[in-house]
Amino acid sequence: MSTEIIENVEIPSSVKMTKEGHVLVCKGKLGTVKKDFMRIPASITVEGNKVVIKPYGTRKHDLAVTNTTRSIIQSMIKGVEKGYTYKLKVIFAHFPISVKIKGKEVHVENFFGERSSRVSKIVGDATKVEVAGEDVLVKGPSLEDVSQTAANIEQSTKIKDKDQRVFLDGLYIFAREDGMQ
């Protein structure tokens, strides 16, 4: 005897949520976030001011899928209302590192005195990257795009074949915040 699992996510009045096929589109004051739920084994419907998630089964795994889906949808809503900000700190010991944004790429120049710059991609159309002194700010409405962009920048300055406890140069994520200050 198992009970049916149904989860409801409330949609605030300032957010407009629509479903196009398997893609859920969330529009708010900071932009639009789209997420494809094709591979989620659950039916997702938008009914008035709420999103209803019904998994296909009633096992513990189906409850986990439902909670994950709910969390993703809540992150989408929070993103278009407040946004997300990741802060990276530029750290160097000898060669001064400079960070430049060129189109949809972030160029880290003079890293360990290298002549060629290290390049990382900016993920997503609404993701913005700005340099503020010794900090690099990555902002946007999509948590996935903002976090992946910050991770790309951090990974571009990963040091290989050296002791990472001694050679600490690079860009490192030091803060994750809700809201785009």
N, C-alpha and C. Protein backbone atom coordinates (compact mmCIF):
# COMPACT_ATOMS: atom_id res chain seq x y z
N MET A 1 0.84 -1.18 0.00
CA MET A 1 0.00 0.00 0.00
C MET A 1 0.89 1.24 0.00
N SER A 2 0.99 1.85 -1.15
CA SER A 2 1.81 3.07 -1.26
C SER A 2 0.93 4.24 -1.66
N THR A 3 1.32 5.39 -1.21
CA THR A 3 0.55 6.58 -1.52
C THR A 3 1.16 7.31 -2.70
N GLU A 4 0.34 8.02 -3.41
CA GLU A 4 0.80 8.76 -4.58
C GLU A 4 1.61 9.98 -4.13
N ILE A 5 2.71 10.24 -4.86
CA ILE A 5 3.57 11.38 -4.53
C ILE A 5 3.19 12.55 -5.45
N ILE A 6 2.85 13.68 -4.86
CA ILE A 6 2.55 14.90 -5.62
C ILE A 6 3.22 16.07 -4.91
N GLU A 7 3.95 16.88 -5.67
CA GLU A 7 4.63 18.03 -5.09
C GLU A 7 4.18 19.29 -5.82
N ASN A 8 3.87 20.34 -5.07
CA ASN A 8 3.47 21.62 -5.66
C ASN A 8 4.52 22.68 -5.35
N VAL A 9 4.86 23.49 -6.36
CA VAL A 9 5.78 24.61 -6.18
C VAL A 9 5.00 25.88 -6.50
N GLU A 10 4.89 26.77 -5.52
CA GLU A 10 4.16 28.02 -5.72
C GLU A 10 4.96 28.97 -6.62
N ILE A 11 4.27 29.62 -7.54
CA ILE A 11 4.89 30.60 -8.42
C ILE A 11 4.49 31.98 -7.93
N PRO A 12 5.45 32.86 -7.60
CA PRO A 12 5.11 34.22 -7.16
C PRO A 12 4.44 35.00 -8.29
N SER A 13 3.74 36.06 -7.94
CA SER A 13 3.02 36.85 -8.93
C SER A 13 3.96 37.59 -9.89
N SER A 14 5.20 37.85 -9.46
CA SER A 14 6.15 38.57 -10.32
C SER A 14 6.84 37.66 -11.34
N VAL A 15 6.57 36.36 -11.28
CA VAL A 15 7.22 35.39 -12.18
C VAL A 15 6.17 34.74 -13.08
N LYS A 16 6.54 34.57 -14.37
CA LYS A 16 5.65 33.91 -15.33
C LYS A 16 6.30 32.60 -15.74
N MET A 17 5.58 31.50 -15.51
CA MET A 17 6.10 30.16 -15.80
C MET A 17 5.25 29.52 -16.88
N THR A 18 5.90 29.01 -17.94
CA THR A 18 5.20 28.31 -19.01
C THR A 18 5.94 27.02 -19.33
N LYS A 19 5.22 26.09 -19.97
CA LYS A 19 5.83 24.82 -20.36
C LYS A 19 5.67 24.65 -21.86
N GLU A 20 6.80 24.46 -22.55
CA GLU A 20 6.81 24.27 -23.99
C GLU A 20 7.42 22.90 -24.27
N GLY A 21 6.57 21.89 -24.47
CA GLY A 21 7.07 20.52 -24.64
C GLY A 21 7.60 20.02 -23.30
N HIS A 22 8.89 19.65 -23.26
CA HIS A 22 9.52 19.22 -22.02
C HIS A 22 10.29 20.36 -21.35
N VAL A 23 10.30 21.53 -21.98
CA VAL A 23 11.09 22.67 -21.50
C VAL A 23 10.22 23.58 -20.63
N LEU A 24 10.71 23.87 -19.42
CA LEU A 24 10.03 24.79 -18.52
C LEU A 24 10.69 26.15 -18.66
N VAL A 25 9.91 27.19 -18.95
CA VAL A 25 10.43 28.54 -19.16
C VAL A 25 9.96 29.42 -18.01
N CYS A 26 10.92 30.06 -17.35
CA CYS A 26 10.63 30.92 -16.20
C CYS A 26 11.08 32.34 -16.54
N LYS A 27 10.12 33.28 -16.55
CA LYS A 27 10.43 34.68 -16.87
C LYS A 27 10.19 35.55 -15.66
N GLY A 28 11.15 36.46 -15.42
CA GLY A 28 11.04 37.39 -14.30
C GLY A 28 11.71 38.69 -14.65
N LYS A 29 11.90 39.55 -13.63
CA LYS A 29 12.46 40.88 -13.89
C LYS A 29 13.93 40.83 -14.30
N LEU A 30 14.68 39.76 -13.93
CA LEU A 30 16.09 39.67 -14.28
C LEU A 30 16.37 38.90 -15.56
N GLY A 31 15.34 38.32 -16.16
CA GLY A 31 15.55 37.61 -17.42
C GLY A 31 14.75 36.33 -17.49
N THR A 32 15.20 35.44 -18.37
CA THR A 32 14.51 34.18 -18.63
C THR A 32 15.46 33.01 -18.36
N VAL A 33 14.94 31.98 -17.70
CA VAL A 33 15.70 30.76 -17.48
C VAL A 33 14.90 29.60 -18.06
N LYS A 34 15.57 28.78 -18.89
CA LYS A 34 14.93 27.62 -19.49
C LYS A 34 15.62 26.36 -18.99
N LYS A 35 14.82 25.32 -18.74
CA LYS A 35 15.38 24.05 -18.29
C LYS A 35 14.60 22.92 -18.96
N ASP A 36 15.34 21.97 -19.54
CA ASP A 36 14.73 20.82 -20.21
C ASP A 36 14.57 19.69 -19.20
N PHE A 37 13.34 19.24 -18.98
CA PHE A 37 13.05 18.16 -18.05
C PHE A 37 12.72 16.87 -18.79
N MET A 38 13.27 16.67 -19.97
CA MET A 38 13.01 15.49 -20.81
C MET A 38 13.39 14.20 -20.08
N ARG A 39 14.52 14.21 -19.39
CA ARG A 39 15.04 12.97 -18.78
C ARG A 39 14.51 12.72 -17.36
N ILE A 40 13.69 13.62 -16.84
CA ILE A 40 13.13 13.44 -15.50
C ILE A 40 11.91 12.51 -15.61
N PRO A 41 11.90 11.38 -14.90
CA PRO A 41 10.75 10.47 -14.99
C PRO A 41 9.56 10.93 -14.14
N ALA A 42 9.00 12.07 -14.54
CA ALA A 42 7.84 12.63 -13.83
C ALA A 42 7.08 13.53 -14.79
N SER A 43 5.80 13.72 -14.52
CA SER A 43 5.02 14.67 -15.32
C SER A 43 5.02 16.01 -14.58
N ILE A 44 5.35 17.05 -15.34
CA ILE A 44 5.41 18.40 -14.78
C ILE A 44 4.39 19.25 -15.52
N THR A 45 3.48 19.86 -14.77
CA THR A 45 2.46 20.70 -15.39
C THR A 45 2.38 22.03 -14.65
N VAL A 46 2.04 23.08 -15.40
CA VAL A 46 1.85 24.40 -14.82
C VAL A 46 0.35 24.62 -14.72
N GLU A 47 -0.15 24.76 -13.47
CA GLU A 47 -1.59 24.94 -13.24
C GLU A 47 -1.80 26.23 -12.45
N GLY A 48 -2.16 27.29 -13.15
CA GLY A 48 -2.40 28.57 -12.47
C GLY A 48 -1.13 29.14 -11.89
N ASN A 49 -1.11 29.30 -10.56
CA ASN A 49 0.06 29.89 -9.90
C ASN A 49 0.92 28.83 -9.21
N LYS A 50 0.91 27.60 -9.73
CA LYS A 50 1.76 26.55 -9.16
C LYS A 50 2.20 25.55 -10.22
N VAL A 51 3.34 24.91 -9.94
CA VAL A 51 3.86 23.85 -10.79
C VAL A 51 3.62 22.54 -10.05
N VAL A 52 3.00 21.57 -10.73
CA VAL A 52 2.68 20.28 -10.11
C VAL A 52 3.63 19.23 -10.68
N ILE A 53 4.30 18.51 -9.75
CA ILE A 53 5.25 17.45 -10.13
C ILE A 53 4.68 16.12 -9.66
N LYS A 54 4.46 15.19 -10.61
CA LYS A 54 3.96 13.86 -10.28
C LYS A 54 4.91 12.83 -10.87
N PRO A 55 5.64 12.09 -10.02
CA PRO A 55 6.52 11.04 -10.57
C PRO A 55 5.68 9.87 -11.08
N TYR A 56 6.31 9.03 -11.92
CA TYR A 56 5.58 7.91 -12.52
C TYR A 56 5.41 6.74 -11.56
N GLY A 57 6.24 6.68 -10.49
CA GLY A 57 6.15 5.59 -9.53
C GLY A 57 5.90 6.10 -8.13
N THR A 58 6.00 5.18 -7.14
CA THR A 58 5.77 5.56 -5.76
C THR A 58 6.90 5.09 -4.84
N ARG A 59 8.05 4.75 -5.41
CA ARG A 59 9.17 4.26 -4.60
C ARG A 59 9.98 5.42 -4.02
N LYS A 60 10.98 5.07 -3.21
CA LYS A 60 11.85 6.07 -2.59
C LYS A 60 12.61 6.86 -3.65
N HIS A 61 13.02 6.18 -4.73
CA HIS A 61 13.73 6.83 -5.84
C HIS A 61 12.85 7.91 -6.48
N ASP A 62 11.56 7.62 -6.62
CA ASP A 62 10.63 8.59 -7.22
C ASP A 62 10.45 9.81 -6.33
N LEU A 63 10.49 9.63 -5.02
CA LEU A 63 10.43 10.76 -4.09
C LEU A 63 11.68 11.63 -4.24
N ALA A 64 12.84 10.98 -4.40
CA ALA A 64 14.10 11.72 -4.60
C ALA A 64 14.06 12.53 -5.90
N VAL A 65 13.54 11.93 -6.97
CA VAL A 65 13.41 12.63 -8.25
C VAL A 65 12.49 13.84 -8.11
N THR A 66 11.40 13.67 -7.38
CA THR A 66 10.44 14.75 -7.16
C THR A 66 11.09 15.90 -6.39
N ASN A 67 11.83 15.60 -5.33
CA ASN A 67 12.46 16.64 -4.54
C ASN A 67 13.55 17.36 -5.32
N THR A 68 14.29 16.63 -6.14
CA THR A 68 15.32 17.26 -6.98
C THR A 68 14.68 18.20 -7.99
N THR A 69 13.62 17.76 -8.62
CA THR A 69 12.90 18.59 -9.59
C THR A 69 12.36 19.85 -8.93
N ARG A 70 11.79 19.70 -7.73
CA ARG A 70 11.27 20.86 -6.98
C ARG A 70 12.38 21.86 -6.68
N SER A 71 13.53 21.35 -6.28
CA SER A 71 14.68 22.21 -5.96
C SER A 71 15.15 22.97 -7.19
N ILE A 72 15.20 22.31 -8.34
CA ILE A 72 15.61 22.96 -9.59
C ILE A 72 14.64 24.08 -9.96
N ILE A 73 13.34 23.82 -9.83
CA ILE A 73 12.32 24.82 -10.18
C ILE A 73 12.39 26.01 -9.21
N GLN A 74 12.62 25.75 -7.91
CA GLN A 74 12.76 26.83 -6.94
C GLN A 74 14.00 27.68 -7.24
N SER A 75 15.09 27.04 -7.70
CA SER A 75 16.29 27.78 -8.08
C SER A 75 16.03 28.66 -9.30
N MET A 76 15.22 28.18 -10.24
CA MET A 76 14.87 28.97 -11.42
C MET A 76 14.08 30.22 -10.99
N ILE A 77 13.11 30.03 -10.09
CA ILE A 77 12.28 31.14 -9.63
C ILE A 77 13.14 32.16 -8.87
N LYS A 78 14.00 31.68 -7.97
CA LYS A 78 14.87 32.57 -7.21
C LYS A 78 15.82 33.32 -8.14
N GLY A 79 16.27 32.65 -9.20
CA GLY A 79 17.20 33.26 -10.15
C GLY A 79 16.60 34.43 -10.91
N VAL A 80 15.36 34.28 -11.39
CA VAL A 80 14.74 35.36 -12.16
C VAL A 80 14.23 36.48 -11.26
N GLU A 81 14.07 36.22 -9.95
CA GLU A 81 13.68 37.27 -9.01
C GLU A 81 14.87 38.02 -8.43
N LYS A 82 15.86 37.27 -7.91
CA LYS A 82 17.01 37.88 -7.23
C LYS A 82 18.31 37.73 -8.01
N GLY A 83 18.52 36.60 -8.67
CA GLY A 83 19.76 36.33 -9.39
C GLY A 83 20.79 35.66 -8.49
N TYR A 84 21.92 35.32 -9.08
CA TYR A 84 23.01 34.67 -8.35
C TYR A 84 24.32 35.39 -8.65
N THR A 85 25.21 35.42 -7.66
CA THR A 85 26.52 36.05 -7.81
C THR A 85 27.59 35.12 -7.24
N TYR A 86 28.61 34.87 -8.03
CA TYR A 86 29.80 34.14 -7.56
C TYR A 86 30.96 35.12 -7.61
N LYS A 87 31.79 35.12 -6.54
CA LYS A 87 32.94 36.01 -6.48
C LYS A 87 34.21 35.18 -6.52
N LEU A 88 35.14 35.58 -7.37
CA LEU A 88 36.44 34.93 -7.45
C LEU A 88 37.52 35.93 -7.08
N LYS A 89 38.53 35.47 -6.35
CA LYS A 89 39.65 36.32 -5.93
C LYS A 89 40.85 36.00 -6.81
N VAL A 90 41.52 37.07 -7.31
CA VAL A 90 42.74 36.92 -8.09
C VAL A 90 43.91 36.90 -7.11
N ILE A 91 44.67 35.79 -7.12
CA ILE A 91 45.79 35.63 -6.19
C ILE A 91 47.06 35.36 -6.98
N PHE A 92 48.11 36.13 -6.70
CA PHE A 92 49.40 35.90 -7.36
C PHE A 92 50.52 36.28 -6.40
N ALA A 93 51.68 35.64 -6.59
CA ALA A 93 52.83 35.89 -5.73
C ALA A 93 53.86 36.77 -6.43
N HIS A 94 54.17 36.48 -7.69
CA HIS A 94 55.24 37.23 -8.37
C HIS A 94 54.75 37.93 -9.62
N PHE A 95 54.18 37.17 -10.57
CA PHE A 95 53.72 37.78 -11.82
C PHE A 95 52.31 38.31 -11.63
N PRO A 96 52.09 39.61 -11.85
CA PRO A 96 50.74 40.17 -11.67
C PRO A 96 49.78 39.67 -12.76
N ILE A 97 48.71 39.03 -12.31
CA ILE A 97 47.71 38.47 -13.23
C ILE A 97 46.72 39.56 -13.60
N SER A 98 46.37 39.63 -14.90
CA SER A 98 45.31 40.54 -15.33
C SER A 98 44.20 39.73 -15.98
N VAL A 99 42.96 40.13 -15.70
CA VAL A 99 41.78 39.43 -16.22
C VAL A 99 41.03 40.38 -17.15
N LYS A 100 40.73 39.90 -18.37
CA LYS A 100 40.00 40.72 -19.34
C LYS A 100 38.84 39.91 -19.91
N ILE A 101 37.72 40.60 -20.15
CA ILE A 101 36.56 39.97 -20.75
C ILE A 101 36.50 40.39 -22.21
N LYS A 102 36.51 39.39 -23.11
CA LYS A 102 36.46 39.65 -24.55
C LYS A 102 35.30 38.85 -25.12
N GLY A 103 34.17 39.52 -25.32
CA GLY A 103 32.99 38.85 -25.86
C GLY A 103 32.43 37.84 -24.88
N LYS A 104 32.37 36.57 -25.28
CA LYS A 104 31.86 35.49 -24.44
C LYS A 104 32.99 34.67 -23.83
N GLU A 105 34.17 35.30 -23.68
CA GLU A 105 35.33 34.62 -23.12
C GLU A 105 36.00 35.47 -22.04
N VAL A 106 36.62 34.80 -21.08
CA VAL A 106 37.41 35.46 -20.05
C VAL A 106 38.87 35.08 -20.29
N HIS A 107 39.73 36.09 -20.45
CA HIS A 107 41.15 35.87 -20.71
C HIS A 107 41.94 36.21 -19.44
N VAL A 108 42.71 35.23 -18.95
CA VAL A 108 43.59 35.44 -17.79
C VAL A 108 44.99 35.59 -18.37
N GLU A 109 45.55 36.80 -18.27
CA GLU A 109 46.83 37.11 -18.90
C GLU A 109 47.94 37.19 -17.86
N ASN A 110 49.16 36.88 -18.30
CA ASN A 110 50.39 36.93 -17.51
C ASN A 110 50.34 35.96 -16.32
N PHE A 111 49.64 34.84 -16.48
CA PHE A 111 49.58 33.83 -15.43
C PHE A 111 50.91 33.08 -15.40
N PHE A 112 51.64 33.17 -14.29
CA PHE A 112 53.00 32.62 -14.15
C PHE A 112 53.94 33.14 -15.23
N GLY A 113 53.66 34.33 -15.76
CA GLY A 113 54.52 34.91 -16.78
C GLY A 113 54.35 34.29 -18.15
N GLU A 114 53.28 33.52 -18.35
CA GLU A 114 53.04 32.88 -19.65
C GLU A 114 52.69 33.94 -20.68
N ARG A 115 53.18 33.74 -21.90
CA ARG A 115 52.92 34.71 -22.96
C ARG A 115 51.50 34.60 -23.51
N SER A 116 50.99 33.40 -23.60
CA SER A 116 49.62 33.23 -24.09
C SER A 116 48.65 33.30 -22.91
N SER A 117 47.47 33.85 -23.18
CA SER A 117 46.49 33.98 -22.10
C SER A 117 45.70 32.69 -21.96
N ARG A 118 45.21 32.45 -20.76
CA ARG A 118 44.36 31.28 -20.51
C ARG A 118 42.91 31.72 -20.71
N VAL A 119 42.16 30.96 -21.52
CA VAL A 119 40.82 31.35 -21.94
C VAL A 119 39.79 30.40 -21.35
N SER A 120 38.69 30.97 -20.83
CA SER A 120 37.56 30.17 -20.38
C SER A 120 36.28 30.78 -20.93
N LYS A 121 35.30 29.93 -21.17
CA LYS A 121 34.04 30.36 -21.79
C LYS A 121 33.04 30.85 -20.74
N ILE A 122 32.23 31.84 -21.15
CA ILE A 122 31.11 32.31 -20.34
C ILE A 122 29.88 31.54 -20.81
N VAL A 123 29.27 30.78 -19.90
CA VAL A 123 28.13 29.93 -20.23
C VAL A 123 26.83 30.72 -20.08
N GLY A 124 25.94 30.62 -21.07
CA GLY A 124 24.63 31.27 -20.99
C GLY A 124 24.62 32.66 -21.57
N ASP A 125 23.46 33.07 -22.05
CA ASP A 125 23.33 34.39 -22.68
C ASP A 125 23.21 35.51 -21.65
N ALA A 126 22.60 35.25 -20.50
CA ALA A 126 22.34 36.30 -19.51
C ALA A 126 23.45 36.41 -18.46
N THR A 127 24.47 35.55 -18.53
CA THR A 127 25.55 35.57 -17.54
C THR A 127 26.50 36.72 -17.82
N LYS A 128 26.78 37.52 -16.79
CA LYS A 128 27.67 38.67 -16.93
C LYS A 128 28.90 38.46 -16.04
N VAL A 129 30.07 38.83 -16.57
CA VAL A 129 31.32 38.74 -15.82
C VAL A 129 31.93 40.13 -15.79
N GLU A 130 32.33 40.58 -14.60
CA GLU A 130 32.98 41.88 -14.49
C GLU A 130 34.16 41.79 -13.53
N VAL A 131 35.17 42.60 -13.81
CA VAL A 131 36.36 42.64 -12.97
C VAL A 131 36.25 43.86 -12.06
N ALA A 132 36.36 43.64 -10.74
CA ALA A 132 36.29 44.72 -9.75
C ALA A 132 37.54 44.66 -8.88
N GLY A 133 38.61 45.30 -9.35
CA GLY A 133 39.87 45.30 -8.61
C GLY A 133 40.48 43.91 -8.58
N GLU A 134 40.62 43.34 -7.37
CA GLU A 134 41.19 41.99 -7.22
C GLU A 134 40.13 40.91 -7.28
N ASP A 135 38.87 41.28 -7.51
CA ASP A 135 37.79 40.31 -7.57
C ASP A 135 37.23 40.21 -8.99
N VAL A 136 36.72 39.02 -9.32
CA VAL A 136 35.98 38.81 -10.56
C VAL A 136 34.57 38.39 -10.15
N LEU A 137 33.56 39.14 -10.61
CA LEU A 137 32.17 38.86 -10.25
C LEU A 137 31.46 38.20 -11.43
N VAL A 138 30.81 37.07 -11.16
CA VAL A 138 30.03 36.36 -12.18
C VAL A 138 28.58 36.44 -11.72
N LYS A 139 27.71 37.07 -12.52
CA LYS A 139 26.32 37.30 -12.13
C LYS A 139 25.38 36.79 -13.22
N GLY A 140 24.16 36.39 -12.80
CA GLY A 140 23.16 35.98 -13.77
C GLY A 140 21.95 35.35 -13.10
N PRO A 141 20.89 35.12 -13.88
CA PRO A 141 19.67 34.54 -13.32
C PRO A 141 19.69 33.00 -13.23
N SER A 142 20.56 32.34 -14.00
CA SER A 142 20.61 30.88 -14.02
C SER A 142 21.75 30.38 -13.12
N LEU A 143 21.41 29.65 -12.07
CA LEU A 143 22.41 29.13 -11.15
C LEU A 143 23.39 28.21 -11.87
N GLU A 144 22.89 27.38 -12.78
CA GLU A 144 23.76 26.46 -13.51
C GLU A 144 24.78 27.21 -14.35
N ASP A 145 24.34 28.23 -15.09
CA ASP A 145 25.24 28.98 -15.96
C ASP A 145 26.27 29.77 -15.16
N VAL A 146 25.84 30.42 -14.07
CA VAL A 146 26.75 31.23 -13.26
C VAL A 146 27.80 30.34 -12.59
N SER A 147 27.37 29.23 -12.01
CA SER A 147 28.32 28.35 -11.32
C SER A 147 29.27 27.68 -12.30
N GLN A 148 28.79 27.30 -13.50
CA GLN A 148 29.66 26.67 -14.48
C GLN A 148 30.68 27.67 -15.02
N THR A 149 30.27 28.92 -15.23
CA THR A 149 31.20 29.96 -15.69
C THR A 149 32.30 30.19 -14.65
N ALA A 150 31.91 30.29 -13.37
CA ALA A 150 32.89 30.48 -12.30
C ALA A 150 33.85 29.29 -12.22
N ALA A 151 33.32 28.08 -12.38
CA ALA A 151 34.16 26.89 -12.35
C ALA A 151 35.11 26.86 -13.55
N ASN A 152 34.65 27.29 -14.72
CA ASN A 152 35.51 27.35 -15.91
C ASN A 152 36.68 28.30 -15.68
N ILE A 153 36.40 29.46 -15.08
CA ILE A 153 37.46 30.44 -14.81
C ILE A 153 38.46 29.86 -13.81
N GLU A 154 37.95 29.24 -12.74
CA GLU A 154 38.82 28.65 -11.72
C GLU A 154 39.68 27.52 -12.31
N GLN A 155 39.08 26.68 -13.15
CA GLN A 155 39.80 25.56 -13.75
C GLN A 155 40.84 26.01 -14.78
N SER A 156 40.61 27.16 -15.41
CA SER A 156 41.57 27.64 -16.42
C SER A 156 42.91 27.99 -15.80
N THR A 157 42.93 28.28 -14.49
CA THR A 157 44.19 28.62 -13.82
C THR A 157 44.68 27.49 -12.91
N LYS A 158 44.22 26.27 -13.20
CA LYS A 158 44.68 25.12 -12.42
C LYS A 158 46.14 24.83 -12.77
N ILE A 159 46.95 24.60 -11.75
CA ILE A 159 48.39 24.39 -11.94
C ILE A 159 48.68 22.89 -11.96
N LYS A 160 49.40 22.46 -13.00
CA LYS A 160 49.76 21.06 -13.14
C LYS A 160 51.27 20.93 -12.97
N ASP A 161 51.71 19.79 -12.48
CA ASP A 161 53.13 19.44 -12.34
C ASP A 161 53.88 20.34 -11.36
N LYS A 162 53.19 20.99 -10.46
CA LYS A 162 53.83 21.78 -9.42
C LYS A 162 53.09 21.51 -8.11
N ASP A 163 53.75 21.77 -6.99
CA ASP A 163 53.13 21.57 -5.69
C ASP A 163 52.11 22.69 -5.46
N GLN A 164 50.82 22.34 -5.39
CA GLN A 164 49.76 23.34 -5.26
C GLN A 164 49.75 24.01 -3.89
N ARG A 165 50.46 23.46 -2.92
CA ARG A 165 50.55 24.10 -1.60
C ARG A 165 51.54 25.26 -1.64
N VAL A 166 52.48 25.21 -2.58
CA VAL A 166 53.50 26.25 -2.69
C VAL A 166 53.10 27.28 -3.73
N PHE A 167 52.70 26.81 -4.92
CA PHE A 167 52.32 27.70 -6.02
C PHE A 167 50.82 27.94 -5.94
N LEU A 168 50.43 29.00 -5.23
CA LEU A 168 49.02 29.28 -4.96
C LEU A 168 48.38 30.23 -5.97
N ASP A 169 49.11 30.64 -7.01
CA ASP A 169 48.58 31.60 -7.98
C ASP A 169 47.33 31.05 -8.66
N GLY A 170 46.40 31.94 -8.97
CA GLY A 170 45.20 31.54 -9.68
C GLY A 170 44.00 32.38 -9.30
N LEU A 171 42.85 31.98 -9.81
CA LEU A 171 41.58 32.60 -9.45
C LEU A 171 40.77 31.56 -8.70
N TYR A 172 40.27 31.93 -7.52
CA TYR A 172 39.56 30.99 -6.66
C TYR A 172 38.21 31.56 -6.24
N ILE A 173 37.16 30.70 -6.28
CA ILE A 173 35.84 31.10 -5.82
C ILE A 173 35.89 31.24 -4.30
N PHE A 174 35.46 32.41 -3.79
CA PHE A 174 35.46 32.60 -2.34
C PHE A 174 34.08 32.97 -1.79
N ALA A 175 33.10 33.25 -2.65
CA ALA A 175 31.76 33.58 -2.14
C ALA A 175 30.70 33.22 -3.17
N ARG A 176 29.60 32.68 -2.67
CA ARG A 176 28.41 32.39 -3.48
C ARG A 176 27.25 33.11 -2.81
N GLU A 177 26.54 33.96 -3.57
CA GLU A 177 25.47 34.75 -2.96
C GLU A 177 24.22 34.72 -3.81
N ASP A 178 23.08 34.84 -3.14
CA ASP A 178 21.81 35.05 -3.83
C ASP A 178 21.66 36.54 -4.02
N GLY A 179 21.26 36.95 -5.19
CA GLY A 179 21.09 38.36 -5.47
C GLY A 179 22.24 38.89 -6.27
N MET A 180 21.94 39.86 -7.13
CA MET A 180 22.96 40.44 -8.00
C MET A 180 23.21 41.87 -7.51
N GLN A 181 24.15 42.05 -6.56
CA GLN A 181 24.44 43.36 -5.99
C GLN A 181 25.06 44.28 -7.03
